[in-house]
C-alpha atoms as a PDB file:
ATOM      1  CA  UNK A   1      25.311 127.743  71.040  1.00  0.00           C
ATOM      2  CA  UNK A   2      25.974 128.174  74.668  1.00  0.00           C
ATOM      3  CA  UNK A   3      27.982 125.737  76.751  1.00  0.00           C
ATOM      4  CA  UNK A   4      26.352 123.832  79.576  1.00  0.00           C
ATOM      5  CA  UNK A   5      29.382 124.559  81.742  1.00  0.00           C
ATOM      6  CA  UNK A   6      31.863 122.366  83.543  1.00  0.00           C
ATOM      7  CA  UNK A   7      29.394 119.516  84.075  1.00  0.00           C
ATOM      8  CA  UNK A   8      28.568 119.155  80.395  1.00  0.00           C
ATOM      9  CA  UNK A   9      31.106 116.427  79.658  1.00  0.00           C
ATOM     10  CA  UNK A  10      34.466 114.796  80.474  1.00  0.00           C
ATOM     11  CA  UNK A  11      37.073 117.146  81.894  1.00  0.00           C
ATOM     12  CA  UNK A  12      40.611 117.754  80.787  1.00  0.00           C
ATOM     13  CA  UNK A  13      42.562 117.524  84.022  1.00  0.00           C
ATOM     14  CA  UNK A  14      45.587 119.123  82.357  1.00  0.00           C
ATOM     15  CA  UNK A  15      43.655 121.952  80.752  1.00  0.00           C
ATOM     16  CA  UNK A  16      43.177 125.439  82.107  1.00  0.00           C
ATOM     17  CA  UNK A  17      41.392 125.644  85.424  1.00  0.00           C
ATOM     18  CA  UNK A  18      37.926 127.196  85.327  1.00  0.00           C
ATOM     19  CA  UNK A  19      35.596 128.212  88.069  1.00  0.00           C
ATOM     20  CA  UNK A  20      33.526 125.171  89.083  1.00  0.00           C
ATOM     21  CA  UNK A  21      30.721 124.464  91.492  1.00  0.00           C
ATOM     22  CA  UNK A  22      31.133 124.921  95.193  1.00  0.00           C
ATOM     23  CA  UNK A  23      32.972 121.989  96.717  1.00  0.00           C
ATOM     24  CA  UNK A  24      33.539 120.713 100.221  1.00  0.00           C
ATOM     25  CA  UNK A  25      36.463 119.018 101.909  1.00  0.00           C
ATOM     26  CA  UNK A  26      36.144 115.251 102.096  1.00  0.00           C
ATOM     27  CA  UNK A  27      38.349 113.360 104.550  1.00  0.00           C
ATOM     28  CA  UNK A  28      39.250 110.193 102.689  1.00  0.00           C
ATOM     29  CA  UNK A  29      39.222 106.773 104.299  1.00  0.00           C
ATOM     30  CA  UNK A  30      39.756 103.420 102.652  1.00  0.00           C
ATOM     31  CA  UNK A  31      36.451 102.050 101.385  1.00  0.00           C
ATOM     32  CA  UNK A  32      34.913 105.442 100.627  1.00  0.00           C
ATOM     33  CA  UNK A  33      33.178 105.586  97.232  1.00  0.00           C
ATOM     34  CA  UNK A  34      34.361 108.358  94.886  1.00  0.00           C
ATOM     35  CA  UNK A  35      33.746 109.280  91.278  1.00  0.00           C
ATOM     36  CA  UNK A  36      36.464 110.816  89.158  1.00  0.00           C
ATOM     37  CA  UNK A  37      34.725 113.496  87.088  1.00  0.00           C
ATOM     38  CA  UNK A  38      37.353 113.574  84.390  1.00  0.00           C
ATOM     39  CA  UNK A  39      37.245 109.883  83.475  1.00  0.00           C
ATOM     40  CA  UNK A  40      33.907 108.842  84.912  1.00  0.00           C
ATOM     41  CA  UNK A  41      35.561 106.125  87.014  1.00  0.00           C
ATOM     42  CA  UNK A  42      33.661 105.236  90.171  1.00  0.00           C
ATOM     43  CA  UNK A  43      35.225 103.028  92.802  1.00  0.00           C
ATOM     44  CA  UNK A  44      36.177 102.492  96.402  1.00  0.00           C
ATOM     45  CA  UNK A  45      39.336 104.023  97.811  1.00  0.00           C
ATOM     46  CA  UNK A  46      42.096 101.473  98.385  1.00  0.00           C
ATOM     47  CA  UNK A  47      44.973 103.945  98.740  1.00  0.00           C
ATOM     48  CA  UNK A  48      45.232 107.687  99.170  1.00  0.00           C
ATOM     49  CA  UNK A  49      48.068 110.194  99.399  1.00  0.00           C
ATOM     50  CA  UNK A  50      46.951 113.776  99.963  1.00  0.00           C
ATOM     51  CA  UNK A  51      48.128 116.092  97.201  1.00  0.00           C
ATOM     52  CA  UNK A  52      49.328 113.193  95.066  1.00  0.00           C
ATOM     53  CA  UNK A  53      47.301 110.141  94.104  1.00  0.00           C
ATOM     54  CA  UNK A  54      44.253 108.110  94.980  1.00  0.00           C
ATOM     55  CA  UNK A  55      43.639 104.532  93.876  1.00  0.00           C
ATOM     56  CA  UNK A  56      40.009 103.614  93.150  1.00  0.00           C
ATOM     57  CA  UNK A  57      38.888 100.006  92.668  1.00  0.00           C
ATOM     58  CA  UNK A  58      35.899  99.746  90.322  1.00  0.00           C
ATOM     59  CA  UNK A  59      33.081  97.187  90.435  1.00  0.00           C
ATOM     60  CA  UNK A  60      35.050  94.881  88.130  1.00  0.00           C
ATOM     61  CA  UNK A  61      37.987  94.809  90.554  1.00  0.00           C
ATOM     62  CA  UNK A  62      40.267  96.984  88.425  1.00  0.00           C
ATOM     63  CA  UNK A  63      42.429  99.603  90.153  1.00  0.00           C
ATOM     64  CA  UNK A  64      42.665 103.131  88.749  1.00  0.00           C
ATOM     65  CA  UNK A  65      45.432 105.462  89.907  1.00  0.00           C
ATOM     66  CA  UNK A  66      44.316 109.080  89.663  1.00  0.00           C
ATOM     67  CA  UNK A  67      45.806 112.407  90.597  1.00  0.00           C
ATOM     68  CA  UNK A  68      44.060 114.165  93.471  1.00  0.00           C
ATOM     69  CA  UNK A  69      43.409 117.367  91.521  1.00  0.00           C
ATOM     70  CA  UNK A  70      41.129 119.811  93.327  1.00  0.00           C
ATOM     71  CA  UNK A  71      37.476 119.551  92.289  1.00  0.00           C
ATOM     72  CA  UNK A  72      37.780 116.473  90.082  1.00  0.00           C
ATOM     73  CA  UNK A  73      36.033 114.050  92.447  1.00  0.00           C
ATOM     74  CA  UNK A  74      32.504 113.681  93.744  1.00  0.00           C
ATOM     75  CA  UNK A  75      31.161 111.888  96.790  1.00  0.00           C
ATOM     76  CA  UNK A  76      27.418 111.286  97.161  1.00  0.00           C
ATOM     77  CA  UNK A  77      26.872 113.732  94.306  1.00  0.00           C
ATOM     78  CA  UNK A  78      28.874 116.557  95.879  1.00  0.00           C
ATOM     79  CA  UNK A  79      32.060 117.922  94.368  1.00  0.00           C
ATOM     80  CA  UNK A  80      34.778 117.378  96.941  1.00  0.00           C
ATOM     81  CA  UNK A  81      38.375 118.256  97.641  1.00  0.00           C
ATOM     82  CA  UNK A  82      40.169 115.194  98.952  1.00  0.00           C
ATOM     83  CA  UNK A  83      41.849 115.549 102.336  1.00  0.00           C
ATOM     84  CA  UNK A  84      43.654 113.132 104.610  1.00  0.00           C
ATOM     85  CA  UNK A  85      41.649 112.126 107.714  1.00  0.00           C
ATOM     86  CA  UNK A  86      42.106 114.353 110.710  1.00  0.00           C
ATOM     87  CA  UNK A  87      44.483 112.721 113.110  1.00  0.00           C
ATOM     88  CA  UNK A  88      43.255 112.412 116.678  1.00  0.00           C
ATOM     89  CA  UNK A  89      46.058 112.643 119.182  1.00  0.00           C
ATOM     90  CA  UNK A  90      46.540 109.303 120.820  1.00  0.00           C
ATOM     91  CA  UNK A  91      45.714 109.251 124.504  1.00  0.00           C
ATOM     92  CA  UNK A  92      48.545 107.702 126.422  1.00  0.00           C
ATOM     93  CA  UNK A  93      47.404 104.748 128.507  1.00  0.00           C
ATOM     94  CA  UNK A  94      46.930 105.738 132.104  1.00  0.00           C
ATOM     95  CA  UNK A  95      49.444 104.043 134.334  1.00  0.00           C
ATOM     96  CA  UNK A  96      48.115 102.556 137.546  1.00  0.00           C
ATOM     97  CA  UNK A  97      49.285 103.940 140.860  1.00  0.00           C
ATOM     98  CA  UNK A  98      51.351 101.814 143.222  1.00  0.00           C
ATOM     99  CA  UNK A  99      48.145 100.936 145.037  1.00  0.00           C
ATOM    100  CA  UNK A 100      46.689  99.518 141.819  1.00  0.00           C
ATOM    101  CA  UNK A 101      44.142 102.279 141.281  1.00  0.00           C
ATOM    102  CA  UNK A 102      43.838 104.239 138.057  1.00  0.00           C
ATOM    103  CA  UNK A 103      45.962 107.344 138.010  1.00  0.00           C
ATOM    104  CA  UNK A 104      44.254 110.541 136.913  1.00  0.00           C
ATOM    105  CA  UNK A 105      45.429 114.030 136.057  1.00  0.00           C
ATOM    106  CA  UNK A 106      43.024 115.660 138.491  1.00  0.00           C
ATOM    107  CA  UNK A 107      44.824 118.043 140.848  1.00  0.00           C
ATOM    108  CA  UNK A 108      45.071 117.185 144.528  1.00  0.00           C
ATOM    109  CA  UNK A 109      41.871 117.836 146.449  1.00  0.00           C
ATOM    110  CA  UNK A 110      41.742 120.303 149.324  1.00  0.00           C
ATOM    111  CA  UNK A 111      42.315 118.376 152.560  1.00  0.00           C
ATOM    112  CA  UNK A 112      39.212 116.871 154.136  1.00  0.00           C
ATOM    113  CA  UNK A 113      38.291 117.327 157.763  1.00  0.00           C
ATOM    114  CA  UNK A 114      38.550 113.553 158.153  1.00  0.00           C
ATOM    115  CA  UNK A 115      41.964 112.032 158.938  1.00  0.00           C
ATOM    116  CA  UNK A 116      43.866 108.775 159.168  1.00  0.00           C
ATOM    117  CA  UNK A 117      46.099 108.150 162.201  1.00  0.00           C
ATOM    118  CA  UNK A 118      48.978 105.664 162.192  1.00  0.00           C
ATOM    119  CA  UNK A 119      51.302 104.678 165.001  1.00  0.00           C
ATOM    120  CA  UNK A 120      54.662 105.873 163.706  1.00  0.00           C
ATOM    121  CA  UNK A 121      56.771 107.439 160.998  1.00  0.00           C
ATOM    122  CA  UNK A 122      57.488 104.131 159.247  1.00  0.00           C
ATOM    123  CA  UNK A 123      53.767 103.423 158.925  1.00  0.00           C
ATOM    124  CA  UNK A 124      53.223 106.884 157.469  1.00  0.00           C
ATOM    125  CA  UNK A 125      56.108 106.545 155.011  1.00  0.00           C
ATOM    126  CA  UNK A 126      54.941 103.163 153.753  1.00  0.00           C
ATOM    127  CA  UNK A 127      51.385 104.382 153.247  1.00  0.00           C
ATOM    128  CA  UNK A 128      52.661 107.451 151.423  1.00  0.00           C
ATOM    129  CA  UNK A 129      54.793 105.293 149.132  1.00  0.00           C
ATOM    130  CA  UNK A 130      51.920 103.049 148.077  1.00  0.00           C
ATOM    131  CA  UNK A 131      48.756 105.126 148.571  1.00  0.00           C
ATOM    132  CA  UNK A 132      50.145 108.659 148.297  1.00  0.00           C
ATOM    133  CA  UNK A 133      48.519 109.382 144.932  1.00  0.00           C
ATOM    134  CA  UNK A 134      45.162 108.086 146.159  1.00  0.00           C
ATOM    135  CA  UNK A 135      45.327 110.127 149.346  1.00  0.00           C
ATOM    136  CA  UNK A 136      46.171 113.357 147.523  1.00  0.00           C
ATOM    137  CA  UNK A 137      43.384 112.743 145.031  1.00  0.00           C
ATOM    138  CA  UNK A 138      40.922 112.179 147.896  1.00  0.00           C
ATOM    139  CA  UNK A 139      42.297 114.985 150.073  1.00  0.00           C
ATOM    140  CA  UNK A 140      43.126 112.707 153.015  1.00  0.00           C
ATOM    141  CA  UNK A 141      45.870 113.618 155.475  1.00  0.00           C
ATOM    142  CA  UNK A 142      47.755 110.891 157.385  1.00  0.00           C
ATOM    143  CA  UNK A 143      49.112 111.778 160.815  1.00  0.00           C
ATOM    144  CA  UNK A 144      51.358 109.758 163.129  1.00  0.00           C
ATOM    145  CA  UNK A 145      50.659 109.125 166.799  1.00  0.00           C
ATOM    146  CA  UNK A 146      54.086 108.082 168.103  1.00  0.00           C
ATOM    147  CA  UNK A 147      52.507 104.936 169.517  1.00  0.00           C
ATOM    148  CA  UNK A 148      49.009 103.884 170.517  1.00  0.00           C
ATOM    149  CA  UNK A 149      49.203 104.352 174.305  1.00  0.00           C
ATOM    150  CA  UNK A 150      47.359 107.699 174.310  1.00  0.00           C
ATOM    151  CA  UNK A 151      44.891 106.797 171.588  1.00  0.00           C
ATOM    152  CA  UNK A 152      41.749 107.700 173.557  1.00  0.00           C
ATOM    153  CA  UNK A 153      43.130 111.156 174.271  1.00  0.00           C
ATOM    154  CA  UNK A 154      44.011 111.681 170.597  1.00  0.00           C
ATOM    155  CA  UNK A 155      40.491 110.676 169.559  1.00  0.00           C
ATOM    156  CA  UNK A 156      38.872 113.061 172.031  1.00  0.00           C
ATOM    157  CA  UNK A 157      41.148 115.884 170.888  1.00  0.00           C
ATOM    158  CA  UNK A 158      40.293 115.229 167.258  1.00  0.00           C
ATOM    159  CA  UNK A 159      36.559 115.354 167.976  1.00  0.00           C
ATOM    160  CA  UNK A 160      35.109 112.943 165.428  1.00  0.00           C
ATOM    161  CA  UNK A 161      31.587 113.594 164.159  1.00  0.00           C
ATOM    162  CA  UNK A 162      29.567 113.386 160.962  1.00  0.00           C
ATOM    163  CA  UNK A 163      31.715 114.776 158.153  1.00  0.00           C
ATOM    164  CA  UNK A 164      34.814 114.568 160.354  1.00  0.00           C
ATOM    165  CA  UNK A 165      35.673 110.904 160.497  1.00  0.00           C
ATOM    166  CA  UNK A 166      38.773 109.324 161.940  1.00  0.00           C
ATOM    167  CA  UNK A 167      40.428 106.171 160.660  1.00  0.00           C
ATOM    168  CA  UNK A 168      43.127 104.518 162.779  1.00  0.00           C
ATOM    169  CA  UNK A 169      45.672 101.886 161.751  1.00  0.00           C
ATOM    170  CA  UNK A 170      47.267  99.863 164.556  1.00  0.00           C
ATOM    171  CA  UNK A 171      50.088  97.331 164.577  1.00  0.00           C
ATOM    172  CA  UNK A 172      49.646  93.913 166.184  1.00  0.00           C
ATOM    173  CA  UNK A 173      45.867  94.092 166.358  1.00  0.00           C
ATOM    174  CA  UNK A 174      45.322  90.513 167.529  1.00  0.00           C
ATOM    175  CA  UNK A 175      43.387  88.937 170.382  1.00  0.00           C
ATOM    176  CA  UNK A 176      44.930  89.730 173.761  1.00  0.00           C
ATOM    177  CA  UNK A 177      47.408  92.342 172.507  1.00  0.00           C
ATOM    178  CA  UNK A 178      47.857  95.751 174.110  1.00  0.00           C
ATOM    179  CA  UNK A 179      46.704  97.404 170.907  1.00  0.00           C
ATOM    180  CA  UNK A 180      43.460  95.419 170.900  1.00  0.00           C
ATOM    181  CA  UNK A 181      42.710  96.413 174.501  1.00  0.00           C
ATOM    182  CA  UNK A 182      43.307 100.062 173.632  1.00  0.00           C
ATOM    183  CA  UNK A 183      41.101  99.832 170.548  1.00  0.00           C
ATOM    184  CA  UNK A 184      38.262  98.289 172.564  1.00  0.00           C
ATOM    185  CA  UNK A 185      38.137 101.395 174.752  1.00  0.00           C
ATOM    186  CA  UNK A 186      36.899 103.492 171.834  1.00  0.00           C
ATOM    187  CA  UNK A 187      33.290 103.272 170.703  1.00  0.00           C
ATOM    188  CA  UNK A 188      32.319 105.959 168.218  1.00  0.00           C
ATOM    189  CA  UNK A 189      30.456 105.479 164.899  1.00  0.00           C
ATOM    190  CA  UNK A 190      32.707 108.097 163.315  1.00  0.00           C
ATOM    191  CA  UNK A 191      35.882 106.231 164.247  1.00  0.00           C
ATOM    192  CA  UNK A 192      37.143 103.088 162.513  1.00  0.00           C
ATOM    193  CA  UNK A 193      40.065 101.176 164.009  1.00  0.00           C
ATOM    194  CA  UNK A 194      41.652  98.471 161.903  1.00  0.00           C
ATOM    195  CA  UNK A 195      45.079  96.938 161.832  1.00  0.00           C
ATOM    196  CA  UNK A 196      47.291  94.035 160.920  1.00  0.00           C
ATOM    197  CA  UNK A 197      48.612  91.099 162.943  1.00  0.00           C
ATOM    198  CA  UNK A 198      52.300  91.986 162.660  1.00  0.00           C
ATOM    199  CA  UNK A 199      54.388  93.208 165.578  1.00  0.00           C
ATOM    200  CA  UNK A 200      55.754  96.021 163.438  1.00  0.00           C
ATOM    201  CA  UNK A 201      54.902  97.543 160.055  1.00  0.00           C
ATOM    202  CA  UNK A 202      58.175  96.082 158.729  1.00  0.00           C
ATOM    203  CA  UNK A 203      56.609  92.621 158.846  1.00  0.00           C
ATOM    204  CA  UNK A 204      53.726  93.786 156.660  1.00  0.00           C
ATOM    205  CA  UNK A 205      56.213  93.915 153.792  1.00  0.00           C
ATOM    206  CA  UNK A 206      56.621  90.573 152.087  1.00  0.00           C
ATOM    207  CA  UNK A 207      60.105  89.247 152.908  1.00  0.00           C
ATOM    208  CA  UNK A 208      60.693  88.350 149.253  1.00  0.00           C
ATOM    209  CA  UNK A 209      60.458  92.051 148.387  1.00  0.00           C
ATOM    210  CA  UNK A 210      63.677  92.678 150.299  1.00  0.00           C
ATOM    211  CA  UNK A 211      65.401  89.455 149.316  1.00  0.00           C
ATOM    212  CA  UNK A 212      64.921  87.288 152.411  1.00  0.00           C
ATOM    213  CA  UNK A 213      62.960  84.068 152.855  1.00  0.00           C
ATOM    214  CA  UNK A 214      61.141  85.161 156.006  1.00  0.00           C
ATOM    215  CA  UNK A 215      61.225  87.743 158.765  1.00  0.00           C
ATOM    216  CA  UNK A 216      63.173  86.270 161.709  1.00  0.00           C
ATOM    217  CA  UNK A 217      61.460  85.507 165.017  1.00  0.00           C
ATOM    218  CA  UNK A 218      62.569  87.809 167.807  1.00  0.00           C
ATOM    219  CA  UNK A 219      62.508  86.411 171.380  1.00  0.00           C
ATOM    220  CA  UNK A 220      60.123  88.040 173.861  1.00  0.00           C
ATOM    221  CA  UNK A 221      61.740  90.862 175.804  1.00  0.00           C
ATOM    222  CA  UNK A 222      64.193  91.816 173.056  1.00  0.00           C
ATOM    223  CA  UNK A 223      63.676  95.066 171.132  1.00  0.00           C
ATOM    224  CA  UNK A 224      62.052  93.910 167.903  1.00  0.00           C
ATOM    225  CA  UNK A 225      63.848  96.032 165.301  1.00  0.00           C
ATOM    226  CA  UNK A 226      67.263  95.489 166.854  1.00  0.00           C
ATOM    227  CA  UNK A 227      66.528  91.777 167.115  1.00  0.00           C
ATOM    228  CA  UNK A 228      65.673  91.620 163.423  1.00  0.00           C
ATOM    229  CA  UNK A 229      68.922  93.323 162.443  1.00  0.00           C
ATOM    230  CA  UNK A 230      70.938  91.017 164.686  1.00  0.00           C
ATOM    231  CA  UNK A 231      69.434  87.875 163.191  1.00  0.00           C
ATOM    232  CA  UNK A 232      69.880  89.202 159.654  1.00  0.00           C
ATOM    233  CA  UNK A 233      73.515  90.062 160.467  1.00  0.00           C
ATOM    234  CA  UNK A 234      72.886  93.681 159.568  1.00  0.00           C
ATOM    235  CA  UNK A 235      75.137  96.172 161.331  1.00  0.00           C
ATOM    236  CA  UNK A 236      73.571  99.483 160.271  1.00  0.00           C
ATOM    237  CA  UNK A 237      71.138 101.541 162.330  1.00  0.00           C
ATOM    238  CA  UNK A 238      67.436 100.530 162.116  1.00  0.00           C
ATOM    239  CA  UNK A 239      66.587 103.855 160.463  1.00  0.00           C
ATOM    240  CA  UNK A 240      69.097 103.203 157.701  1.00  0.00           C
ATOM    241  CA  UNK A 241      67.870  99.643 157.250  1.00  0.00           C
ATOM    242  CA  UNK A 242      64.289 100.899 156.998  1.00  0.00           C
ATOM    243  CA  UNK A 243      65.232 103.218 154.147  1.00  0.00           C
ATOM    244  CA  UNK A 244      66.625 100.223 152.251  1.00  0.00           C
ATOM    245  CA  UNK A 245      63.493  98.219 152.987  1.00  0.00           C
ATOM    246  CA  UNK A 246      61.166 101.031 151.926  1.00  0.00           C
ATOM    247  CA  UNK A 247      63.023 101.581 148.640  1.00  0.00           C
ATOM    248  CA  UNK A 248      62.442  97.911 147.781  1.00  0.00           C
ATOM    249  CA  UNK A 249      58.662  98.285 147.908  1.00  0.00           C
ATOM    250  CA  UNK A 250      57.355  99.042 144.429  1.00  0.00           C
ATOM    251  CA  UNK A 251      53.619  98.386 144.699  1.00  0.00           C
ATOM    252  CA  UNK A 252      50.822  96.974 146.836  1.00  0.00           C
ATOM    253  CA  UNK A 253      51.818  93.493 145.659  1.00  0.00           C
ATOM    254  CA  UNK A 254      54.904  93.765 147.864  1.00  0.00           C
ATOM    255  CA  UNK A 255      52.693  94.057 150.950  1.00  0.00           C
ATOM    256  CA  UNK A 256      50.867  91.428 152.958  1.00  0.00           C
ATOM    257  CA  UNK A 257      47.117  91.277 152.365  1.00  0.00           C
ATOM    258  CA  UNK A 258      46.005  92.270 155.918  1.00  0.00           C
ATOM    259  CA  UNK A 259      47.745  95.630 155.607  1.00  0.00           C
ATOM    260  CA  UNK A 260      46.430  96.304 152.107  1.00  0.00           C
ATOM    261  CA  UNK A 261      42.886  95.451 153.161  1.00  0.00           C
ATOM    262  CA  UNK A 262      43.054  97.641 156.266  1.00  0.00           C
ATOM    263  CA  UNK A 263      44.395 100.723 154.481  1.00  0.00           C
ATOM    264  CA  UNK A 264      41.787 100.418 151.742  1.00  0.00           C
ATOM    265  CA  UNK A 265      39.065 100.175 154.404  1.00  0.00           C
ATOM    266  CA  UNK A 266      40.330 103.315 156.110  1.00  0.00           C
ATOM    267  CA  UNK A 267      40.449 105.313 152.876  1.00  0.00           C
ATOM    268  CA  UNK A 268      36.909 104.251 152.042  1.00  0.00           C
ATOM    269  CA  UNK A 269      35.710 105.095 155.559  1.00  0.00           C
ATOM    270  CA  UNK A 270      37.140 108.618 155.731  1.00  0.00           C
ATOM    271  CA  UNK A 271      36.089 109.570 152.206  1.00  0.00           C
ATOM    272  CA  UNK A 272      32.387 108.874 152.695  1.00  0.00           C
ATOM    273  CA  UNK A 273      30.617 112.109 151.901  1.00  0.00           C
ATOM    274  CA  UNK A 274      28.602 113.600 154.743  1.00  0.00           C
END
């Protein structure tokens, strides 16, 4: 009498291994339904250790601890070899940039033809500190003017046009100021001039960020930066004081809203695709 083979009856898990039917890998998760071919137990997986044991809970609620011997389990009628689930590498949460945008791992874009002009080095350094990642991602270069007096000449030299836009950030852009008069001389759809109401970019930093209650008022006719240092009883050079101020700025939340709004407008303006 011939044998019907390995599927003819209960298996001896400790007996000699014989060639069985083709089997596939099955990546076990809790709740999967398996049948143990040796004992006939069918149940849901409640615990699994690859190469060791699996615990199946039958329909009566009883737990059965079984060795994970190769080829002794079936799933949906297929003979399977039990494997631990493939682990997917966790994706580290993306930290926001200092401007509050989402940081990406995209390399810096080739510089655009469009530009952003600011009045001085301190403006440029502050923008770099907060929006540097955004500007590199967008391929936007920021250049300093050394003041706004020759703004019309700088605009003509730049030659704004479609696909070559110019965004300009000015200090003290309020009614009646010199900067406002200069800005009003320029009328070009490819140029956007925005600013903030503060006499100097220093004031666009919230005083609490550098540990003071408020920026002091400086009398008319007195150099502004020197007047600030005098009233704060600071004896170092303005350039040294600025470095201390800049290092205290950690994110856009340390800046006054008018500056944040203006810089965001400029970035949007110069990154419009032609």
